[in-house]
């Protein structure tokens, strides 16, 4: 699959006249609990030539490929990615921390990791995960029966919030690190371990009675983190640095590789 993914990325570069700077696996394969039926969710950051940005027309800032089999590929233009980086957008930051990297060129990811020291906002990040946890809990876990995979749509953002509260930094992408760091009680851990085994085995779409101990834990932690985040402060950032970085990347990429 690695070769197939790389071939698809190369085709995107040729057809769209872009350079892909960074491409990773996201979703369940990056989180560490993929099942045998899980898709490959490939996400990337790309850059057009300079002339593309010098236009009065509003240009599209995403590339979305039709899903083919179990391959789902899409990407963000670098200015869009930097705008989201300024806001500590967790999906983007999870890409930067993905354990499965397909392409890493021109020093983009290393530079973003350096900039996180000044641009990362724990409050913005926690608010995002809290919003996700609340919405998914309300949509998926309120019924008497629940799909196994839906628990992780709430567990992961809740554990990410607990990581931020404890460490005041970006949570790791891998679920296992979040889970181990949380130090949950045996009564909760045994149920999560059971869910993980069943999800990886491919039972993730099965419906079963809701697990009261997990539901109670999630509700309690959502309430706790909602109170905690109110006392956190926002981080002020300097957008000029990101503008300069964007211009630097334009020169670096298209000087070393002329437009197609």
Protein backbone atom coordinates (compact mmCIF):
# COMPACT_ATOMS: atom_id res chain seq x y z
CA UNK A 1 0.00 0.00 0.00
CA UNK A 2 2.94 2.33 0.66
CA UNK A 3 3.92 2.26 -3.03
CA UNK A 4 0.30 2.80 -4.10
CA UNK A 5 0.00 5.83 -1.84
CA UNK A 6 3.26 7.34 -3.08
CA UNK A 7 2.18 6.77 -6.69
CA UNK A 8 -1.11 8.56 -6.01
CA UNK A 9 0.69 11.49 -4.41
CA UNK A 10 3.02 11.78 -7.39
CA UNK A 11 0.02 11.75 -9.73
CA UNK A 12 -1.60 14.56 -7.74
CA UNK A 13 1.57 16.64 -8.11
CA UNK A 14 1.59 16.13 -11.87
CA UNK A 15 -2.10 16.75 -12.44
CA UNK A 16 -2.46 19.73 -10.08
CA UNK A 17 0.98 21.29 -10.69
CA UNK A 18 1.78 21.39 -6.98
CA UNK A 19 4.52 20.18 -4.70
CA UNK A 20 3.48 18.00 -1.78
CA UNK A 21 5.58 19.01 1.21
CA UNK A 22 4.28 16.64 3.86
CA UNK A 23 2.01 13.59 3.71
CA UNK A 24 0.96 11.34 6.57
CA UNK A 25 -1.56 8.77 7.71
CA UNK A 26 -4.38 10.14 9.85
CA UNK A 27 -7.40 8.56 11.53
CA UNK A 28 -7.47 5.13 13.11
CA UNK A 29 -4.21 3.90 11.55
CA UNK A 30 -2.34 6.88 12.98
CA UNK A 31 -4.19 6.56 16.30
CA UNK A 32 -3.07 2.93 16.60
CA UNK A 33 -6.32 0.98 16.60
CA UNK A 34 -7.06 0.26 12.96
CA UNK A 35 -9.18 -2.79 12.15
CA UNK A 36 -8.67 -5.03 9.15
CA UNK A 37 -11.32 -3.00 7.31
CA UNK A 38 -10.01 0.47 8.17
CA UNK A 39 -9.40 2.92 5.33
CA UNK A 40 -6.05 4.51 4.64
CA UNK A 41 -6.72 8.18 5.42
CA UNK A 42 -3.84 10.03 3.76
CA UNK A 43 -3.55 13.77 4.43
CA UNK A 44 -1.03 16.17 2.93
CA UNK A 45 0.10 19.80 2.74
CA UNK A 46 0.99 21.20 -0.67
CA UNK A 47 2.21 24.35 -2.39
CA UNK A 48 1.39 25.91 -5.77
CA UNK A 49 3.91 27.97 -7.77
CA UNK A 50 4.11 31.68 -6.92
CA UNK A 51 1.99 32.78 -9.91
CA UNK A 52 -0.97 30.79 -8.65
CA UNK A 53 -1.22 32.99 -5.55
CA UNK A 54 -0.93 36.26 -7.52
CA UNK A 55 -4.55 36.38 -8.63
CA UNK A 56 -7.60 38.47 -7.83
CA UNK A 57 -9.72 35.31 -7.95
CA UNK A 58 -10.41 33.35 -4.81
CA UNK A 59 -8.58 30.09 -5.26
CA UNK A 60 -9.52 26.67 -3.94
CA UNK A 61 -7.30 25.71 -1.00
CA UNK A 62 -8.00 21.97 -0.75
CA UNK A 63 -7.42 18.98 -2.97
CA UNK A 64 -9.87 16.12 -2.47
CA UNK A 65 -9.50 12.91 -4.42
CA UNK A 66 -12.43 10.53 -5.00
CA UNK A 67 -12.31 7.68 -2.50
CA UNK A 68 -10.95 4.59 -4.24
CA UNK A 69 -11.41 1.30 -2.45
CA UNK A 70 -9.90 1.75 1.00
CA UNK A 71 -7.83 4.79 0.00
CA UNK A 72 -8.98 8.27 1.06
CA UNK A 73 -6.58 11.08 0.07
CA UNK A 74 -6.97 14.83 0.58
CA UNK A 75 -4.77 17.83 1.34
CA UNK A 76 -4.59 21.48 2.33
CA UNK A 77 -2.76 24.32 0.61
CA UNK A 78 0.08 25.67 2.76
CA UNK A 79 -1.57 29.08 3.47
CA UNK A 80 -4.70 27.26 4.71
CA UNK A 81 -2.54 24.96 6.85
CA UNK A 82 -0.63 27.89 8.34
CA UNK A 83 -3.89 29.71 9.10
CA UNK A 84 -5.08 26.65 11.01
CA UNK A 85 -1.69 26.24 12.66
CA UNK A 86 -2.09 29.77 14.02
CA UNK A 87 -5.32 28.60 15.68
CA UNK A 88 -3.77 25.39 17.10
CA UNK A 89 -6.08 23.28 14.96
CA UNK A 90 -5.80 19.75 16.43
CA UNK A 91 -6.31 17.76 13.19
CA UNK A 92 -3.38 19.63 11.62
CA UNK A 93 -1.23 19.23 14.72
CA UNK A 94 -2.08 15.52 14.78
CA UNK A 95 -0.79 15.27 11.20
CA UNK A 96 2.49 16.78 12.35
CA UNK A 97 2.65 14.17 15.11
CA UNK A 98 1.53 11.21 12.98
CA UNK A 99 3.71 8.09 13.41
CA UNK A 100 3.15 7.16 9.74
CA UNK A 101 4.85 9.65 7.41
CA UNK A 102 4.77 9.10 3.62
CA UNK A 103 6.54 12.29 2.49
CA UNK A 104 8.51 14.91 4.43
CA UNK A 105 10.21 17.52 2.24
CA UNK A 106 11.81 20.95 2.43
CA UNK A 107 11.86 21.02 6.24
CA UNK A 108 8.20 21.99 6.61
CA UNK A 109 7.30 19.64 9.47
CA UNK A 110 10.49 20.34 11.44
CA UNK A 111 9.91 24.09 11.19
CA UNK A 112 6.29 23.77 12.32
CA UNK A 113 7.40 21.71 15.30
CA UNK A 114 9.84 24.48 16.22
CA UNK A 115 7.13 27.14 15.88
CA UNK A 116 4.75 25.24 18.14
CA UNK A 117 6.67 26.52 21.16
CA UNK A 118 5.31 30.02 20.38
CA UNK A 119 2.06 29.23 18.56
CA UNK A 120 0.49 26.34 20.44
CA UNK A 121 -2.56 27.34 22.49
CA UNK A 122 -3.59 24.70 25.05
CA UNK A 123 -6.93 26.45 25.53
CA UNK A 124 -7.84 26.50 21.84
CA UNK A 125 -6.82 22.88 21.53
CA UNK A 126 -8.82 21.78 24.57
CA UNK A 127 -11.87 23.70 23.39
CA UNK A 128 -11.70 21.85 20.07
CA UNK A 129 -11.46 18.43 21.71
CA UNK A 130 -14.23 19.32 24.17
CA UNK A 131 -16.52 20.38 21.34
CA UNK A 132 -15.79 17.09 19.59
CA UNK A 133 -16.35 15.04 22.75
CA UNK A 134 -19.65 16.74 23.61
CA UNK A 135 -21.03 16.46 20.09
CA UNK A 136 -20.04 12.85 19.60
CA UNK A 137 -21.32 11.86 23.05
CA UNK A 138 -24.66 13.47 22.33
CA UNK A 139 -24.93 11.91 18.87
CA UNK A 140 -23.55 8.42 19.44
CA UNK A 141 -23.63 7.39 23.12
CA UNK A 142 -27.04 8.51 24.39
CA UNK A 143 -29.00 5.50 23.14
CA UNK A 144 -29.46 2.17 24.90
CA UNK A 145 -27.23 0.48 22.28
CA UNK A 146 -23.97 1.83 20.89
CA UNK A 147 -21.62 0.93 18.02
CA UNK A 148 -18.25 -0.11 19.41
CA UNK A 149 -16.21 2.31 17.29
CA UNK A 150 -18.25 5.30 18.46
CA UNK A 151 -16.85 5.04 21.98
CA UNK A 152 -13.45 6.02 20.62
CA UNK A 153 -14.95 9.14 19.01
CA UNK A 154 -15.50 10.37 22.56
CA UNK A 155 -12.78 8.57 24.51
CA UNK A 156 -9.95 9.95 22.41
CA UNK A 157 -10.86 13.66 22.65
CA UNK A 158 -11.61 13.30 26.38
CA UNK A 159 -8.22 11.69 27.01
CA UNK A 160 -6.62 14.43 24.89
CA UNK A 161 -8.22 17.04 27.18
CA UNK A 162 -6.86 15.25 30.24
CA UNK A 163 -3.39 15.23 28.64
CA UNK A 164 -3.57 18.99 28.03
CA UNK A 165 -4.68 19.62 31.61
CA UNK A 166 -1.79 17.53 32.94
CA UNK A 167 1.03 18.49 30.55
CA UNK A 168 -0.09 21.80 28.96
CA UNK A 169 1.14 20.66 25.55
CA UNK A 170 -0.16 19.03 22.39
CA UNK A 171 -1.42 15.49 23.05
CA UNK A 172 0.27 12.63 21.18
CA UNK A 173 -1.51 11.29 18.12
CA UNK A 174 -1.41 7.67 19.29
CA UNK A 175 -4.34 6.58 21.46
CA UNK A 176 -2.18 4.19 23.49
CA UNK A 177 -0.02 7.02 24.85
CA UNK A 178 -3.09 9.02 25.89
CA UNK A 179 -4.67 5.97 27.46
CA UNK A 180 -1.62 4.94 29.49
CA UNK A 181 -0.97 8.49 30.69
CA UNK A 182 -4.52 8.92 31.99
CA UNK A 183 -4.08 6.29 34.72
CA UNK A 184 -7.70 5.17 34.63
CA UNK A 185 -9.28 2.93 37.24
CA UNK A 186 -9.26 -0.86 36.64
CA UNK A 187 -13.06 -0.91 36.21
CA UNK A 188 -12.81 1.50 33.28
CA UNK A 189 -9.58 0.13 31.82
CA UNK A 190 -10.91 -3.42 31.55
CA UNK A 191 -13.84 -2.17 29.48
CA UNK A 192 -11.65 -0.02 27.21
CA UNK A 193 -9.25 -2.94 26.70
CA UNK A 194 -12.17 -5.10 25.67
CA UNK A 195 -13.40 -2.46 23.22
CA UNK A 196 -9.93 -2.06 21.71
CA UNK A 197 -9.58 -5.79 21.10
CA UNK A 198 -12.98 -5.98 19.47
CA UNK A 199 -12.39 -2.92 17.30
CA UNK A 200 -9.04 -4.18 16.03
CA UNK A 201 -10.64 -7.57 15.35
CA UNK A 202 -13.17 -5.88 13.07
CA UNK A 203 -16.22 -5.85 15.35
CA UNK A 204 -16.30 -2.05 15.33
CA UNK A 205 -19.71 -1.77 13.67
CA UNK A 206 -21.40 -4.15 16.09
CA UNK A 207 -24.16 -2.74 18.28
CA UNK A 208 -24.22 -3.60 21.97
CA UNK A 209 -25.77 -2.23 25.17
CA UNK A 210 -24.08 0.95 26.31
CA UNK A 211 -21.35 0.50 28.90
CA UNK A 212 -22.53 2.43 31.93
CA UNK A 213 -19.12 2.77 33.59
CA UNK A 214 -17.59 4.31 30.46
CA UNK A 215 -20.55 6.59 29.84
CA UNK A 216 -20.43 7.83 33.44
CA UNK A 217 -16.66 8.41 33.18
CA UNK A 218 -17.01 10.36 29.94
CA UNK A 219 -19.81 12.56 31.24
CA UNK A 220 -17.85 13.30 34.42
CA UNK A 221 -14.67 14.20 32.52
CA UNK A 222 -16.49 16.36 29.97
CA UNK A 223 -17.99 18.35 32.85
CA UNK A 224 -14.63 18.56 34.62
CA UNK A 225 -12.73 19.73 31.53
CA UNK A 226 -15.46 22.23 30.69
CA UNK A 227 -14.86 23.86 34.07
CA UNK A 228 -11.08 23.63 33.78
CA UNK A 229 -10.84 25.24 30.34
CA UNK A 230 -12.63 28.36 31.55
CA UNK A 231 -9.61 29.27 33.67
CA UNK A 232 -7.08 28.85 30.85
CA UNK A 233 -5.61 31.83 28.99
CA UNK A 234 -5.38 32.33 25.23
CA UNK A 235 -1.97 32.59 23.55
CA UNK A 236 -1.24 35.71 21.46
CA UNK A 237 0.59 34.90 18.23
CA UNK A 238 2.56 36.85 15.63
CA UNK A 239 1.06 36.25 12.18
CA UNK A 240 3.94 38.05 10.46
CA UNK A 241 6.26 35.14 11.24
CA UNK A 242 3.93 32.72 9.46
CA UNK A 243 3.67 35.06 6.44
CA UNK A 244 7.46 35.14 6.25
CA UNK A 245 7.60 31.37 6.55
CA UNK A 246 5.10 30.98 3.70
CA UNK A 247 7.20 33.21 1.44
CA UNK A 248 10.34 31.36 2.48
CA UNK A 249 8.78 28.00 1.53
CA UNK A 250 7.68 29.36 -1.85
CA UNK A 251 11.24 30.35 -2.65
CA UNK A 252 12.74 27.16 -1.28
CA UNK A 253 10.39 24.79 -3.13
CA UNK A 254 10.14 26.41 -6.52
CA UNK A 255 13.77 27.48 -6.66
CA UNK A 256 14.92 23.92 -6.12
CA UNK A 257 12.22 22.43 -8.36
CA UNK A 258 10.94 24.54 -11.26
CA UNK A 259 7.24 24.45 -12.09
CA UNK A 260 6.05 21.60 -14.28
